[in-house]
Protein backbone atom coordinates (compact mmCIF):
# COMPACT_ATOMS: atom_id res chain seq x y z
CA MET A 1 17.17 -35.60 45.39
CA SER A 2 17.07 -39.07 43.95
CA LEU A 3 15.14 -40.54 41.08
CA GLU A 4 12.06 -42.49 41.90
CA THR A 5 11.78 -46.02 40.59
CA PHE A 6 8.85 -47.19 38.53
CA LYS A 7 7.74 -49.46 41.40
CA GLU A 8 7.68 -46.54 43.85
CA THR A 9 5.66 -44.43 41.47
CA LYS A 10 3.17 -47.27 40.98
CA GLU A 11 2.81 -47.71 44.75
CA ARG A 12 2.27 -44.01 45.24
CA ASN A 13 -0.44 -43.85 42.51
CA PRO A 14 -2.11 -47.28 42.51
CA ASP A 15 -5.29 -46.27 40.64
CA GLU A 16 -3.47 -44.52 37.81
CA LYS A 17 -2.66 -46.76 34.86
CA PRO A 18 -0.22 -45.74 32.17
CA LYS A 19 -2.03 -44.58 29.07
CA LYS A 20 -1.46 -46.43 25.86
CA LYS A 21 -0.24 -44.44 22.93
CA GLN A 22 -2.62 -44.20 20.03
CA ARG A 23 -1.41 -44.25 16.54
CA ALA A 24 -2.84 -41.79 14.10
CA SER A 25 -5.18 -43.43 11.66
CA GLY A 26 -5.09 -42.95 7.91
CA ALA A 27 -8.29 -40.90 8.16
CA ASP A 28 -6.58 -38.49 10.53
CA ALA A 29 -3.72 -38.05 8.07
CA ILE A 30 -6.15 -37.46 5.20
CA ALA A 31 -8.14 -34.96 7.27
CA PHE A 32 -4.91 -33.15 8.16
CA ILE A 33 -3.83 -32.99 4.51
CA LYS A 34 -7.28 -31.78 3.41
CA GLU A 35 -7.23 -29.04 6.03
CA LYS A 36 -3.71 -28.05 5.04
CA ILE A 37 -4.74 -27.84 1.37
CA ARG A 38 -7.85 -25.82 2.26
CA LEU A 39 -5.83 -23.37 4.34
CA GLY A 40 -3.20 -23.16 1.60
CA GLY A 41 -5.93 -22.35 -0.93
CA ILE A 42 -7.32 -19.61 1.28
CA GLN A 43 -3.83 -18.20 1.74
CA LYS A 44 -3.24 -18.26 -2.03
CA GLU A 45 -6.53 -16.44 -2.60
CA ASN A 46 -5.54 -13.80 -0.07
CA GLU A 47 -2.11 -13.40 -1.69
CA LEU A 48 -3.69 -13.07 -5.13
CA GLU A 49 -6.13 -10.46 -3.83
CA LEU A 50 -3.28 -8.48 -2.27
CA LYS A 51 -1.26 -8.70 -5.47
CA LYS A 52 -4.30 -7.50 -7.45
CA GLN A 53 -4.71 -4.52 -5.11
CA GLU A 54 -1.00 -3.70 -5.40
CA MET A 55 -1.22 -3.83 -9.19
CA GLU A 56 -4.27 -1.53 -9.13
CA LEU A 57 -2.35 0.94 -6.96
CA LYS A 58 0.64 0.83 -9.32
CA LYS A 59 -1.68 1.34 -12.27
CA ASP A 60 -3.29 4.36 -10.59
CA GLU A 61 0.13 5.81 -9.72
CA MET A 62 1.38 5.37 -13.27
CA GLU A 63 -1.79 6.98 -14.65
CA SER A 64 -1.33 9.93 -12.29
CA GLU A 65 2.30 10.32 -13.37
CA ARG A 66 1.28 10.16 -17.02
CA ARG A 67 -1.37 12.85 -16.52
CA LEU A 68 1.14 15.02 -14.67
CA ARG A 69 3.70 14.67 -17.46
CA GLN A 70 1.01 15.45 -20.03
CA GLN A 71 0.09 18.62 -18.12
CA GLU A 72 3.74 19.66 -17.98
CA VAL A 73 4.13 19.12 -21.74
CA GLU A 74 0.97 21.15 -22.39
CA MET A 75 2.21 23.99 -20.15
CA ARG A 76 5.56 24.08 -21.94
CA ARG A 77 3.83 24.10 -25.32
CA LYS A 78 1.65 27.04 -24.26
CA GLU A 79 4.67 28.93 -22.92
CA PHE A 80 6.50 28.33 -26.20
CA GLU A 81 3.50 29.57 -28.20
CA GLU A 82 3.21 32.70 -26.02
CA ARG A 83 6.90 33.47 -26.43
CA ASN A 84 6.68 32.84 -30.13
CA ASN A 85 3.66 35.14 -30.43
CA MET A 86 5.46 37.84 -28.46
CA ASN A 87 8.49 37.52 -30.74
CA MET A 88 6.27 37.70 -33.82
CA ALA A 89 4.68 40.87 -32.42
CA LEU A 90 8.12 42.39 -31.85
CA ILE A 91 9.31 41.77 -35.42
CA PRO A 92 7.17 44.54 -37.00
CA GLN A 93 8.25 46.95 -34.26
CA GLN A 94 11.90 46.12 -34.86
CA GLN A 95 11.45 46.52 -38.60
CA GLN A 96 9.78 49.88 -38.07
CA GLN A 97 12.58 51.02 -35.77
CA THR A 98 15.16 49.86 -38.29
CA ASN A 99 13.40 51.77 -41.08
CA VAL A 100 13.23 54.92 -38.95
CA LEU A 101 16.94 54.66 -38.16
CA LEU A 102 17.76 54.14 -41.84
CA THR A 103 15.77 57.18 -42.87
CA LEU A 104 17.47 59.24 -40.15
CA LEU A 105 20.87 58.05 -41.25
CA GLN A 106 20.05 58.83 -44.89
CA LYS A 107 18.96 62.35 -43.93
CA PHE A 108 22.18 62.93 -42.00
CA ALA A 109 24.27 61.39 -44.75
CA SER A 110 22.73 63.58 -47.41
CA LYS A 111 23.49 66.80 -45.48
């Protein structure tokens, strides 16, 4: 396989002329830059919207966690109050039992 010369190629394709290269005009460059800026703006808007949605989700998650912690604190407070009330109810019983034991001991001691 050998390389074909330019002359041979021209003889093989006589009606085909080599195309001239066109330089890009200044308007093409400006149009390209405008399109790039427009697409960049759209991308920025999309990124900002996504960031806003992410922040909303984080806010909702934090609010849920705060409510959950508040419920836990309220449950603990109620449990503490219930235990405290039970203890307060037991105090008179314990005092009564102590008094009964003292009277029994005094009776036995006096005999």
